[in-house]
C-alpha atoms as a PDB file:
ATOM      1  CA  MET A   1     -10.880  11.900  14.673  1.00  0.00           C
ATOM      2  CA  GLN A   2      -7.897  14.071  14.073  1.00  0.00           C
ATOM      3  CA  ILE A   3      -4.882  12.805  12.150  1.00  0.00           C
ATOM      4  CA  ARG A   4      -1.890  13.662  14.332  1.00  0.00           C
ATOM      5  CA  ARG A   5       0.918  11.800  12.593  1.00  0.00           C
ATOM      6  CA  LYS A   6       1.696   9.748   9.490  1.00  0.00           C
ATOM      7  CA  ALA A   7       0.418   6.182   9.574  1.00  0.00           C
ATOM      8  CA  SER A   8      -0.405   3.382   7.164  1.00  0.00           C
ATOM      9  CA  ALA A   9      -2.363   0.163   6.866  1.00  0.00           C
ATOM     10  CA  GLY A  10      -2.619  -2.602   4.272  1.00  0.00           C
ATOM     11  CA  THR A  11      -0.409  -4.298   1.712  1.00  0.00           C
ATOM     12  CA  MET A  12       0.302  -4.001  -1.993  1.00  0.00           C
ATOM     13  CA  GLN A  13      -0.839  -7.563  -2.677  1.00  0.00           C
ATOM     14  CA  SER A  14      -3.589  -8.379  -5.125  1.00  0.00           C
ATOM     15  CA  SER A  15      -7.122  -7.741  -3.805  1.00  0.00           C
ATOM     16  CA  ASP A  16      -5.835  -5.421  -1.076  1.00  0.00           C
ATOM     17  CA  ALA A  17      -5.028  -1.752  -0.640  1.00  0.00           C
ATOM     18  CA  MET A  18      -2.336   0.338   1.018  1.00  0.00           C
ATOM     19  CA  VAL A  19      -3.610   3.434   2.781  1.00  0.00           C
ATOM     20  CA  VAL A  20      -1.262   6.162   4.016  1.00  0.00           C
ATOM     21  CA  VAL A  21      -2.609   9.098   6.002  1.00  0.00           C
ATOM     22  CA  GLU A  22      -0.783  12.178   7.228  1.00  0.00           C
ATOM     23  CA  PRO A  23      -1.703  15.514   8.799  1.00  0.00           C
ATOM     24  CA  SER A  24      -2.765  18.373   6.538  1.00  0.00           C
ATOM     25  CA  ASP A  25      -4.681  21.640   6.916  1.00  0.00           C
ATOM     26  CA  THR A  26      -7.237  20.509   4.330  1.00  0.00           C
ATOM     27  CA  LEU A  27      -8.763  17.204   3.331  1.00  0.00           C
ATOM     28  CA  ARG A  28      -7.035  15.758   0.261  1.00  0.00           C
ATOM     29  CA  VAL A  29      -7.641  12.305  -1.187  1.00  0.00           C
ATOM     30  CA  ALA A  30      -5.312  10.714  -3.756  1.00  0.00           C
ATOM     31  CA  ILE A  31      -6.286   7.435  -5.447  1.00  0.00           C
ATOM     32  CA  GLU A  32      -4.048   5.086  -7.401  1.00  0.00           C
ATOM     33  CA  SER A  33      -5.771   1.922  -8.572  1.00  0.00           C
ATOM     34  CA  THR A  34      -5.392  -0.884 -11.073  1.00  0.00           C
ATOM     35  CA  VAL A  35      -9.145  -0.554 -11.676  1.00  0.00           C
ATOM     36  CA  LYS A  36      -9.368   3.249 -11.519  1.00  0.00           C
ATOM     37  CA  LYS A  37     -11.043   3.683 -14.910  1.00  0.00           C
ATOM     38  CA  GLN A  38     -13.889   1.368 -14.034  1.00  0.00           C
ATOM     39  CA  PHE A  39     -14.341   1.934 -10.312  1.00  0.00           C
ATOM     40  CA  GLU A  40     -12.857   5.287  -9.218  1.00  0.00           C
ATOM     41  CA  HIS A  41     -16.315   6.698  -8.432  1.00  0.00           C
ATOM     42  CA  LEU A  42     -17.093   3.735  -6.150  1.00  0.00           C
ATOM     43  CA  ILE A  43     -13.675   3.820  -4.488  1.00  0.00           C
ATOM     44  CA  ARG A  44     -13.990   7.560  -3.869  1.00  0.00           C
ATOM     45  CA  ALA A  45     -17.531   7.111  -2.494  1.00  0.00           C
ATOM     46  CA  ARG A  46     -16.342   4.446  -0.015  1.00  0.00           C
ATOM     47  CA  ILE A  47     -13.435   6.623   1.089  1.00  0.00           C
ATOM     48  CA  THR A  48     -15.737   9.628   1.581  1.00  0.00           C
ATOM     49  CA  LEU A  49     -18.291   7.584   3.529  1.00  0.00           C
ATOM     50  CA  THR A  50     -15.635   6.100   5.810  1.00  0.00           C
ATOM     51  CA  LEU A  51     -14.066   9.512   6.471  1.00  0.00           C
ATOM     52  CA  GLU A  52     -17.497  10.953   7.314  1.00  0.00           C
ATOM     53  CA  GLN A  53     -18.266   8.071   9.693  1.00  0.00           C
ATOM     54  CA  LEU A  54     -14.930   8.631  11.460  1.00  0.00           C
ATOM     55  CA  GLU A  55     -15.521  12.426  11.480  1.00  0.00           C
ATOM     56  CA  VAL A  56     -12.246  13.147   9.673  1.00  0.00           C
ATOM     57  CA  THR A  57     -12.251  16.650   8.190  1.00  0.00           C
ATOM     58  CA  THR A  58      -8.552  17.263   7.509  1.00  0.00           C
ATOM     59  CA  GLY A  59      -5.631  15.152   6.368  1.00  0.00           C
ATOM     60  CA  HIS A  60      -3.922  13.794   3.295  1.00  0.00           C
ATOM     61  CA  ILE A  61      -5.265  10.337   2.424  1.00  0.00           C
ATOM     62  CA  GLN A  62      -3.338   8.271  -0.146  1.00  0.00           C
ATOM     63  CA  VAL A  63      -4.936   5.063  -1.355  1.00  0.00           C
ATOM     64  CA  SER A  64      -3.082   2.558  -3.545  1.00  0.00           C
ATOM     65  CA  ASP A  65      -5.728   0.032  -4.504  1.00  0.00           C
ATOM     66  CA  ARG A  66      -5.062  -3.380  -6.030  1.00  0.00           C
ATOM     67  CA  GLY A  67      -8.668  -4.476  -6.439  1.00  0.00           C
ATOM     68  CA  ALA A  68      -9.713  -4.459  -2.785  1.00  0.00           C
ATOM     69  CA  LEU A  69     -13.370  -5.015  -2.005  1.00  0.00           C
ATOM     70  CA  ASP A  70     -15.221  -2.085  -0.409  1.00  0.00           C
ATOM     71  CA  TYR A  71     -15.228  -3.527   3.132  1.00  0.00           C
ATOM     72  CA  ALA A  72     -11.470  -4.176   2.941  1.00  0.00           C
ATOM     73  CA  LEU A  73     -10.856  -0.635   1.759  1.00  0.00           C
ATOM     74  CA  ALA A  74     -12.977   0.776   4.608  1.00  0.00           C
ATOM     75  CA  ALA A  75     -11.107  -1.378   7.144  1.00  0.00           C
ATOM     76  CA  ARG A  76      -7.706  -0.220   5.856  1.00  0.00           C
ATOM     77  CA  ILE A  77      -8.766   3.433   6.003  1.00  0.00           C
ATOM     78  CA  GLU A  78     -10.154   3.065   9.523  1.00  0.00           C
ATOM     79  CA  THR A  79      -7.026   1.270  10.752  1.00  0.00           C
ATOM     80  CA  ALA A  80      -4.665   3.886   9.278  1.00  0.00           C
ATOM     81  CA  ILE A  81      -6.673   6.742  10.760  1.00  0.00           C
ATOM     82  CA  CYS A  82      -6.882   5.099  14.188  1.00  0.00           C
ATOM     83  CA  ARG A  83      -3.106   4.611  14.135  1.00  0.00           C
ATOM     84  CA  ALA A  84      -2.581   8.220  13.067  1.00  0.00           C
ATOM     85  CA  SER A  85      -4.828   9.626  15.785  1.00  0.00           C
ATOM     86  CA  GLU A  86      -3.006   7.894  18.665  1.00  0.00           C
ATOM     87  CA  GLU A  87      -0.578   9.912  20.686  1.00  0.00           C
END
């Protein structure tokens, strides 16, 4: 999928994540998390896997995590990207 416009999904509540995606010439991922020290490698792995499954190769992905489980994070990323790819 191609990110055509800025879009977001999620909330800033506990055990959730806010994902904002926007067009970019390169693929950039920024992570802010309350559990970054312990779980950044797992969060980054889930983001990478989800982007690969959706065939996203460019875009700026911003993730603000508040302890979301991996399936919730994947769902938020997929929703934001689907919204951003619509015309």
